[in-house]
Amino acid sequence: MKKVDGQAAKVLEDIIQDKDQSFEFNGRQYKIVAIDNKGDLETTVKEDVEKDPELKQKLLQSKKDIEEGNYFTSEEMRDMIRSGQI
């Protein structure tokens, strides 16, 4: 990994402080992304499911419904809505 200091560090710091962490150099666009930590807003699906019991239950029910054949295609749903079944 290359260590950045001096004027280059100042320029990168200014870019990082900006809301849009992208820049252009020699006609190409780049985006700076931190690789040593995740942002607070970035989570994995597994983390989301573990934190939300309601979401986990809905996903488990969906899986069960699919395994048991209890699902409808988009076309079937449209037909049921149009016919007033749902």
N, C-alpha and C. Protein backbone atom coordinates (compact mmCIF):
# COMPACT_ATOMS: atom_id res chain seq x y z
N MET A 1 0.85 -1.17 0.00
CA MET A 1 0.00 0.00 0.00
C MET A 1 0.89 1.24 0.00
N LYS A 2 0.54 2.19 -0.83
CA LYS A 2 1.34 3.40 -0.94
C LYS A 2 0.92 4.42 0.12
N LYS A 3 1.90 5.00 0.79
CA LYS A 3 1.63 6.04 1.78
C LYS A 3 1.57 7.39 1.07
N VAL A 4 0.53 8.15 1.37
CA VAL A 4 0.34 9.46 0.74
C VAL A 4 0.60 10.54 1.79
N ASP A 5 1.42 11.52 1.41
CA ASP A 5 1.67 12.63 2.33
C ASP A 5 1.82 13.93 1.55
N GLY A 6 2.05 14.99 2.26
CA GLY A 6 2.28 16.29 1.62
C GLY A 6 1.05 16.82 0.91
N GLN A 7 1.28 17.44 -0.24
CA GLN A 7 0.21 18.07 -1.01
C GLN A 7 -0.82 17.04 -1.49
N ALA A 8 -0.35 15.86 -1.87
CA ALA A 8 -1.28 14.82 -2.33
C ALA A 8 -2.25 14.43 -1.21
N ALA A 9 -1.74 14.34 0.02
CA ALA A 9 -2.59 14.01 1.15
C ALA A 9 -3.63 15.10 1.38
N LYS A 10 -3.23 16.35 1.22
CA LYS A 10 -4.17 17.48 1.39
C LYS A 10 -5.28 17.42 0.34
N VAL A 11 -4.90 17.15 -0.90
CA VAL A 11 -5.90 17.06 -1.98
C VAL A 11 -6.87 15.91 -1.70
N LEU A 12 -6.34 14.75 -1.33
CA LEU A 12 -7.20 13.60 -1.03
C LEU A 12 -8.11 13.87 0.16
N GLU A 13 -7.57 14.54 1.17
CA GLU A 13 -8.37 14.88 2.34
C GLU A 13 -9.54 15.78 1.95
N ASP A 14 -9.29 16.76 1.09
CA ASP A 14 -10.35 17.65 0.61
C ASP A 14 -11.42 16.86 -0.13
N ILE A 15 -11.00 15.91 -0.96
CA ILE A 15 -11.97 15.10 -1.71
C ILE A 15 -12.79 14.23 -0.76
N ILE A 16 -12.14 13.62 0.22
CA ILE A 16 -12.82 12.75 1.17
C ILE A 16 -13.82 13.52 2.01
N GLN A 17 -13.49 14.76 2.38
CA GLN A 17 -14.39 15.58 3.18
C GLN A 17 -15.64 15.99 2.40
N ASP A 18 -15.52 16.03 1.08
CA ASP A 18 -16.63 16.41 0.22
C ASP A 18 -17.69 15.31 0.23
N LYS A 19 -18.95 15.68 0.03
CA LYS A 19 -20.04 14.70 0.03
C LYS A 19 -19.86 13.67 -1.10
N ASP A 20 -19.44 14.12 -2.27
CA ASP A 20 -19.20 13.25 -3.42
C ASP A 20 -17.71 12.95 -3.47
N GLN A 21 -17.32 11.75 -3.11
CA GLN A 21 -15.91 11.40 -3.01
C GLN A 21 -15.35 10.89 -4.32
N SER A 22 -15.75 11.51 -5.42
CA SER A 22 -15.22 11.13 -6.72
C SER A 22 -14.43 12.30 -7.31
N PHE A 23 -13.55 11.97 -8.25
CA PHE A 23 -12.74 13.00 -8.88
C PHE A 23 -12.32 12.52 -10.27
N GLU A 24 -11.82 13.44 -11.06
CA GLU A 24 -11.36 13.11 -12.40
C GLU A 24 -9.87 13.37 -12.48
N PHE A 25 -9.15 12.44 -13.13
CA PHE A 25 -7.71 12.57 -13.30
C PHE A 25 -7.33 11.98 -14.65
N ASN A 26 -6.65 12.76 -15.45
CA ASN A 26 -6.24 12.32 -16.79
C ASN A 26 -7.40 11.77 -17.62
N GLY A 27 -8.56 12.43 -17.51
CA GLY A 27 -9.71 12.04 -18.30
C GLY A 27 -10.48 10.84 -17.80
N ARG A 28 -10.09 10.29 -16.66
CA ARG A 28 -10.80 9.14 -16.09
C ARG A 28 -11.41 9.54 -14.76
N GLN A 29 -12.55 8.94 -14.44
CA GLN A 29 -13.22 9.24 -13.18
C GLN A 29 -12.88 8.17 -12.14
N TYR A 30 -12.67 8.62 -10.91
CA TYR A 30 -12.34 7.73 -9.80
C TYR A 30 -13.24 8.04 -8.61
N LYS A 31 -13.41 7.07 -7.73
CA LYS A 31 -14.16 7.27 -6.50
C LYS A 31 -13.34 6.70 -5.35
N ILE A 32 -13.23 7.45 -4.29
CA ILE A 32 -12.48 7.02 -3.11
C ILE A 32 -13.43 6.28 -2.17
N VAL A 33 -13.03 5.07 -1.78
CA VAL A 33 -13.84 4.25 -0.89
C VAL A 33 -12.94 3.72 0.22
N ALA A 34 -13.37 3.87 1.48
CA ALA A 34 -12.61 3.34 2.61
C ALA A 34 -12.71 1.82 2.60
N ILE A 35 -11.59 1.13 2.73
CA ILE A 35 -11.61 -0.33 2.73
C ILE A 35 -11.41 -0.92 4.11
N ASP A 36 -11.06 -0.11 5.10
CA ASP A 36 -10.77 -0.65 6.41
C ASP A 36 -11.98 -0.68 7.34
N ASN A 37 -13.07 -0.05 6.94
CA ASN A 37 -14.27 -0.10 7.77
C ASN A 37 -15.50 0.15 6.92
N LYS A 38 -16.63 -0.35 7.41
CA LYS A 38 -17.89 -0.13 6.71
C LYS A 38 -18.54 1.12 7.27
N GLY A 39 -19.29 1.78 6.43
CA GLY A 39 -20.08 2.91 6.90
C GLY A 39 -21.20 2.40 7.78
N ASP A 40 -21.71 3.24 8.65
CA ASP A 40 -22.79 2.84 9.54
C ASP A 40 -24.04 2.42 8.78
N LEU A 41 -24.22 2.97 7.58
CA LEU A 41 -25.43 2.69 6.82
C LEU A 41 -25.30 1.43 5.98
N GLU A 42 -24.12 0.88 5.86
CA GLU A 42 -23.89 -0.29 5.01
C GLU A 42 -23.97 -1.56 5.84
N THR A 43 -24.94 -2.41 5.52
CA THR A 43 -25.08 -3.67 6.23
C THR A 43 -25.26 -4.80 5.22
N THR A 44 -25.05 -6.01 5.68
CA THR A 44 -25.29 -7.17 4.83
C THR A 44 -26.73 -7.63 5.02
N VAL A 45 -27.20 -8.44 4.11
CA VAL A 45 -28.55 -8.99 4.24
C VAL A 45 -28.64 -9.81 5.53
N LYS A 46 -27.60 -10.59 5.80
CA LYS A 46 -27.60 -11.42 7.01
C LYS A 46 -27.73 -10.56 8.26
N GLU A 47 -27.00 -9.44 8.31
CA GLU A 47 -27.09 -8.53 9.46
C GLU A 47 -28.50 -7.95 9.59
N ASP A 48 -29.07 -7.57 8.46
CA ASP A 48 -30.42 -7.00 8.47
C ASP A 48 -31.44 -8.00 9.00
N VAL A 49 -31.33 -9.25 8.55
CA VAL A 49 -32.26 -10.29 8.98
C VAL A 49 -32.08 -10.59 10.46
N GLU A 50 -30.85 -10.65 10.94
CA GLU A 50 -30.60 -10.94 12.35
C GLU A 50 -31.11 -9.83 13.25
N LYS A 51 -31.08 -8.59 12.79
CA LYS A 51 -31.52 -7.45 13.60
C LYS A 51 -33.03 -7.27 13.59
N ASP A 52 -33.73 -7.85 12.62
CA ASP A 52 -35.16 -7.60 12.45
C ASP A 52 -35.94 -8.92 12.48
N PRO A 53 -36.47 -9.30 13.64
CA PRO A 53 -37.19 -10.57 13.74
C PRO A 53 -38.40 -10.64 12.81
N GLU A 54 -39.07 -9.52 12.58
CA GLU A 54 -40.24 -9.51 11.68
C GLU A 54 -39.81 -9.83 10.25
N LEU A 55 -38.71 -9.24 9.81
CA LEU A 55 -38.19 -9.52 8.47
C LEU A 55 -37.80 -10.99 8.36
N LYS A 56 -37.14 -11.51 9.38
CA LYS A 56 -36.73 -12.92 9.38
C LYS A 56 -37.95 -13.83 9.26
N GLN A 57 -39.00 -13.51 10.01
CA GLN A 57 -40.21 -14.33 9.97
C GLN A 57 -40.86 -14.29 8.60
N LYS A 58 -40.90 -13.11 7.98
CA LYS A 58 -41.49 -12.98 6.64
C LYS A 58 -40.70 -13.78 5.61
N LEU A 59 -39.39 -13.74 5.71
CA LEU A 59 -38.55 -14.49 4.78
C LEU A 59 -38.72 -15.99 4.96
N LEU A 60 -38.80 -16.44 6.22
CA LEU A 60 -39.01 -17.86 6.48
C LEU A 60 -40.38 -18.31 5.97
N GLN A 61 -41.40 -17.46 6.15
CA GLN A 61 -42.74 -17.80 5.65
C GLN A 61 -42.74 -17.85 4.13
N SER A 62 -42.05 -16.92 3.49
CA SER A 62 -41.96 -16.92 2.03
C SER A 62 -41.29 -18.19 1.52
N LYS A 63 -40.21 -18.59 2.20
CA LYS A 63 -39.51 -19.81 1.81
C LYS A 63 -40.44 -21.02 1.93
N LYS A 64 -41.18 -21.07 3.04
CA LYS A 64 -42.11 -22.18 3.26
C LYS A 64 -43.20 -22.18 2.18
N ASP A 65 -43.75 -21.00 1.88
CA ASP A 65 -44.79 -20.91 0.85
C ASP A 65 -44.29 -21.41 -0.50
N ILE A 66 -43.08 -21.04 -0.86
CA ILE A 66 -42.51 -21.47 -2.14
C ILE A 66 -42.33 -22.98 -2.16
N GLU A 67 -41.79 -23.52 -1.06
CA GLU A 67 -41.58 -24.97 -0.98
C GLU A 67 -42.90 -25.74 -1.08
N GLU A 68 -43.99 -25.16 -0.55
CA GLU A 68 -45.29 -25.82 -0.57
C GLU A 68 -46.11 -25.48 -1.81
N GLY A 69 -45.55 -24.66 -2.68
CA GLY A 69 -46.26 -24.30 -3.91
C GLY A 69 -47.32 -23.24 -3.72
N ASN A 70 -47.29 -22.55 -2.61
CA ASN A 70 -48.27 -21.49 -2.32
C ASN A 70 -47.76 -20.14 -2.82
N TYR A 71 -47.78 -19.97 -4.12
CA TYR A 71 -47.35 -18.70 -4.70
C TYR A 71 -48.08 -18.48 -6.01
N PHE A 72 -48.07 -17.25 -6.49
CA PHE A 72 -48.76 -16.88 -7.72
C PHE A 72 -47.82 -16.11 -8.62
N THR A 73 -48.02 -16.25 -9.92
CA THR A 73 -47.24 -15.46 -10.87
C THR A 73 -47.83 -14.06 -10.91
N SER A 74 -47.11 -13.13 -11.50
CA SER A 74 -47.61 -11.76 -11.65
C SER A 74 -48.90 -11.76 -12.46
N GLU A 75 -48.93 -12.57 -13.50
CA GLU A 75 -50.12 -12.68 -14.35
C GLU A 75 -51.32 -13.17 -13.54
N GLU A 76 -51.11 -14.19 -12.72
CA GLU A 76 -52.20 -14.71 -11.88
C GLU A 76 -52.69 -13.65 -10.90
N MET A 77 -51.77 -12.90 -10.31
CA MET A 77 -52.14 -11.84 -9.37
C MET A 77 -52.96 -10.76 -10.07
N ARG A 78 -52.54 -10.35 -11.27
CA ARG A 78 -53.30 -9.34 -12.02
C ARG A 78 -54.72 -9.83 -12.29
N ASP A 79 -54.83 -11.09 -12.71
CA ASP A 79 -56.15 -11.65 -13.00
C ASP A 79 -57.03 -11.68 -11.74
N MET A 80 -56.46 -12.05 -10.60
CA MET A 80 -57.24 -12.08 -9.36
C MET A 80 -57.67 -10.68 -8.94
N ILE A 81 -56.80 -9.71 -9.10
CA ILE A 81 -57.14 -8.32 -8.76
C ILE A 81 -58.25 -7.82 -9.67
N ARG A 82 -58.11 -8.06 -10.96
CA ARG A 82 -59.11 -7.60 -11.93
C ARG A 82 -60.47 -8.26 -11.72
N SER A 83 -60.45 -9.51 -11.30
CA SER A 83 -61.72 -10.23 -11.10
C SER A 83 -62.32 -9.97 -9.72
N GLY A 84 -61.60 -9.22 -8.88
CA GLY A 84 -62.11 -8.88 -7.55
C GLY A 84 -61.90 -9.94 -6.50
N GLN A 85 -61.11 -10.96 -6.81
CA GLN A 85 -60.84 -12.01 -5.83
C GLN A 85 -60.02 -11.49 -4.66
N ILE A 86 -59.20 -10.49 -4.94
CA ILE A 86 -58.41 -9.87 -3.86
C ILE A 86 -58.43 -8.37 -4.01
